[in-house]
């Protein structure tokens, strides 16, 4: 296709098309008619990086007797896992490290030792804490628990937001 024909098909002047072709002109939304004229995706025209598979392929691993499924795949930042904690009466061994953790119990019950606190969390309950505080979590001994865990670097916290349903929410 000639520059003249392309100019007529897209409404973009020949000098702009020539500048785009030689790299002397910066690309802009003017490329959309070009993509349509050539019948190619805009990403192909601008050399956009390919997007990887958006699906997270869960691959369970066994970590200290627990089944751990990663729910995020990028290194660094906040990481999420589904953890199945088996029923056991194992001896707590609290540890501390940099970071911040948020735990939510999906089913069953789990025991959380956090500093001087010895807690049992049931389905629907959550805890968040600075992991520099000595901590440990495990089974309660009656049955396994399924939990969601979000762990992030020091200073990053999970934020849960909920709106109240009813008269108060309607007034807002």
Protein backbone atom coordinates (compact mmCIF):
# COMPACT_ATOMS: atom_id res chain seq x y z
CA UNK A 1 0.00 0.00 0.00
CA UNK A 2 1.36 3.42 -0.88
CA UNK A 3 1.54 6.34 1.57
CA UNK A 4 -1.06 8.17 -0.51
CA UNK A 5 -3.51 5.24 -0.40
CA UNK A 6 -2.89 4.73 3.30
CA UNK A 7 -3.38 8.45 3.95
CA UNK A 8 -6.71 8.34 2.15
CA UNK A 9 -7.80 5.17 4.02
CA UNK A 10 -6.84 6.46 7.48
CA UNK A 11 -7.17 10.23 7.28
CA UNK A 12 -3.58 10.62 8.48
CA UNK A 13 -1.42 12.99 6.42
CA UNK A 14 1.44 11.48 4.39
CA UNK A 15 4.15 13.38 6.33
CA UNK A 16 2.92 11.90 9.64
CA UNK A 17 2.77 8.41 8.13
CA UNK A 18 6.30 8.85 6.76
CA UNK A 19 7.51 10.04 10.19
CA UNK A 20 5.90 7.03 11.89
CA UNK A 21 7.49 4.72 9.34
CA UNK A 22 11.00 6.14 9.86
CA UNK A 23 10.68 6.52 13.63
CA UNK A 24 10.95 10.32 13.51
CA UNK A 25 7.38 10.75 14.75
CA UNK A 26 6.09 9.45 18.08
CA UNK A 27 3.19 7.01 17.95
CA UNK A 28 -0.15 8.14 19.32
CA UNK A 29 -3.81 7.30 19.07
CA UNK A 30 -3.45 8.14 15.39
CA UNK A 31 -2.26 4.55 15.04
CA UNK A 32 -5.76 3.19 15.58
CA UNK A 33 -6.88 3.94 11.98
CA UNK A 34 -3.64 2.32 10.77
CA UNK A 35 -4.40 -0.84 12.69
CA UNK A 36 -7.87 -0.85 11.18
CA UNK A 37 -6.55 -0.23 7.65
CA UNK A 38 -4.01 -3.05 7.92
CA UNK A 39 -6.49 -5.24 9.83
CA UNK A 40 -4.02 -5.99 12.60
CA UNK A 41 -4.30 -5.54 16.37
CA UNK A 42 -2.91 -2.24 17.66
CA UNK A 43 -0.55 -4.23 19.92
CA UNK A 44 1.09 -5.72 16.80
CA UNK A 45 1.63 -2.27 15.32
CA UNK A 46 3.32 -0.82 18.40
CA UNK A 47 5.23 -3.95 19.36
CA UNK A 48 3.47 -4.37 22.70
CA UNK A 49 4.92 -7.11 24.87
CA UNK A 50 3.03 -10.38 24.84
CA UNK A 51 0.85 -10.98 27.85
CA UNK A 52 1.47 -14.29 29.52
CA UNK A 53 -1.15 -16.79 30.50
CA UNK A 54 -3.42 -15.03 33.03
CA UNK A 55 -4.31 -18.29 34.76
CA UNK A 56 -2.40 -19.23 37.87
CA UNK A 57 -1.55 -22.91 37.71
CA UNK A 58 -1.87 -24.14 41.26
CA UNK A 59 0.85 -26.55 42.24
CA UNK A 60 0.56 -27.74 45.81
CA UNK A 61 3.67 -28.28 47.85
CA UNK A 62 4.16 -29.76 51.28
CA UNK A 63 5.79 -27.36 53.74
CA UNK A 64 6.29 -28.61 57.30
CA UNK A 65 3.36 -31.03 56.97
CA UNK A 66 1.03 -28.37 55.52
CA UNK A 67 -0.35 -28.32 51.97
CA UNK A 68 0.46 -24.92 50.45
CA UNK A 69 -1.07 -23.62 47.20
CA UNK A 70 0.31 -20.34 45.82
CA UNK A 71 -2.40 -17.91 44.69
CA UNK A 72 0.04 -15.33 43.33
CA UNK A 73 2.97 -15.92 41.07
CA UNK A 74 5.02 -12.75 40.93
CA UNK A 75 8.03 -12.54 43.23
CA UNK A 76 8.17 -9.74 45.77
CA UNK A 77 5.30 -7.65 47.02
CA UNK A 78 2.29 -9.21 48.68
CA UNK A 79 2.06 -12.98 48.28
CA UNK A 80 -1.12 -15.03 48.80
CA UNK A 81 -1.51 -18.72 49.62
CA UNK A 82 -4.22 -21.19 50.51
CA UNK A 83 -2.87 -23.40 53.26
CA UNK A 84 -4.36 -26.63 54.56
CA UNK A 85 -3.23 -27.08 58.15
CA UNK A 86 -3.62 -30.70 59.31
CA UNK A 87 -5.21 -31.61 62.60
CA UNK A 88 -2.37 -32.04 65.06
CA UNK A 89 -1.22 -31.18 68.53
CA UNK A 90 2.30 -30.30 67.44
CA UNK A 91 4.47 -28.34 69.81
CA UNK A 92 4.49 -24.62 68.90
CA UNK A 93 7.87 -23.21 67.89
CA UNK A 94 7.32 -19.43 67.44
CA UNK A 95 9.64 -17.63 65.02
CA UNK A 96 9.97 -14.04 63.90
CA UNK A 97 11.05 -12.45 60.61
CA UNK A 98 10.52 -9.30 58.56
CA UNK A 99 7.08 -8.83 57.06
CA UNK A 100 3.38 -8.51 57.75
CA UNK A 101 0.82 -11.33 57.62
CA UNK A 102 -2.94 -11.58 57.32
CA UNK A 103 -4.66 -14.93 57.97
CA UNK A 104 -8.30 -15.82 57.28
CA UNK A 105 -9.81 -19.16 58.30
CA UNK A 106 -11.98 -20.62 55.53
CA UNK A 107 -12.96 -23.80 57.38
CA UNK A 108 -12.04 -25.67 60.53
CA UNK A 109 -10.08 -24.17 63.42
CA UNK A 110 -6.46 -23.18 63.78
CA UNK A 111 -4.26 -22.20 66.68
CA UNK A 112 -2.23 -19.00 66.52
CA UNK A 113 0.52 -18.17 68.99
CA UNK A 114 1.38 -14.48 68.68
CA UNK A 115 3.75 -13.12 71.29
CA UNK A 116 2.08 -13.80 74.65
CA UNK A 117 -1.31 -14.57 73.05
CA UNK A 118 -2.56 -18.11 72.47
CA UNK A 119 -5.60 -17.90 70.19
CA UNK A 120 -7.94 -20.31 68.42
CA UNK A 121 -9.51 -18.96 65.23
CA UNK A 122 -12.57 -20.51 63.60
CA UNK A 123 -14.13 -20.25 60.16
CA UNK A 124 -14.70 -16.63 59.17
CA UNK A 125 -12.18 -15.22 61.65
CA UNK A 126 -9.04 -13.35 60.66
CA UNK A 127 -5.84 -12.12 62.26
CA UNK A 128 -3.19 -9.70 61.04
CA UNK A 129 0.17 -9.08 62.61
CA UNK A 130 3.71 -7.85 62.27
CA UNK A 131 5.82 -10.97 61.73
CA UNK A 132 8.67 -9.50 63.78
CA UNK A 133 6.52 -10.58 66.76
CA UNK A 134 7.31 -14.24 67.51
CA UNK A 135 4.46 -16.28 66.01
CA UNK A 136 3.36 -19.79 65.08
CA UNK A 137 0.18 -21.29 63.70
CA UNK A 138 -0.96 -24.86 63.43
CA UNK A 139 -3.80 -27.30 63.94
CA UNK A 140 -5.98 -27.49 67.01
CA UNK A 141 -5.99 -31.26 67.08
CA UNK A 142 -9.68 -31.81 66.24
CA UNK A 143 -9.61 -31.49 62.39
CA UNK A 144 -7.71 -29.77 59.61
CA UNK A 145 -8.20 -26.11 58.79
CA UNK A 146 -8.14 -24.31 55.46
CA UNK A 147 -6.78 -20.78 55.59
CA UNK A 148 -5.90 -17.93 53.27
CA UNK A 149 -2.60 -16.25 54.00
CA UNK A 150 -1.37 -12.95 52.64
CA UNK A 151 2.19 -12.05 53.42
CA UNK A 152 3.89 -8.83 52.45
CA UNK A 153 7.07 -6.91 53.07
CA UNK A 154 7.44 -4.84 56.22
CA UNK A 155 5.10 -1.86 56.04
CA UNK A 156 2.60 -3.42 53.59
CA UNK A 157 -0.73 -4.48 55.05
CA UNK A 158 -3.87 -6.06 53.66
CA UNK A 159 -6.84 -3.69 53.66
CA UNK A 160 -10.34 -5.10 53.93
CA UNK A 161 -13.24 -2.79 53.20
CA UNK A 162 -16.90 -3.52 53.76
CA UNK A 163 -20.03 -1.43 53.44
CA UNK A 164 -22.90 -1.68 55.87
CA UNK A 165 -26.17 -2.68 54.25
CA UNK A 166 -29.30 -0.97 55.52
CA UNK A 167 -30.50 2.48 56.52
CA UNK A 168 -27.07 3.82 57.48
CA UNK A 169 -25.53 2.82 54.11
CA UNK A 170 -28.50 4.24 52.21
CA UNK A 171 -28.05 7.60 53.94
CA UNK A 172 -24.40 7.83 52.85
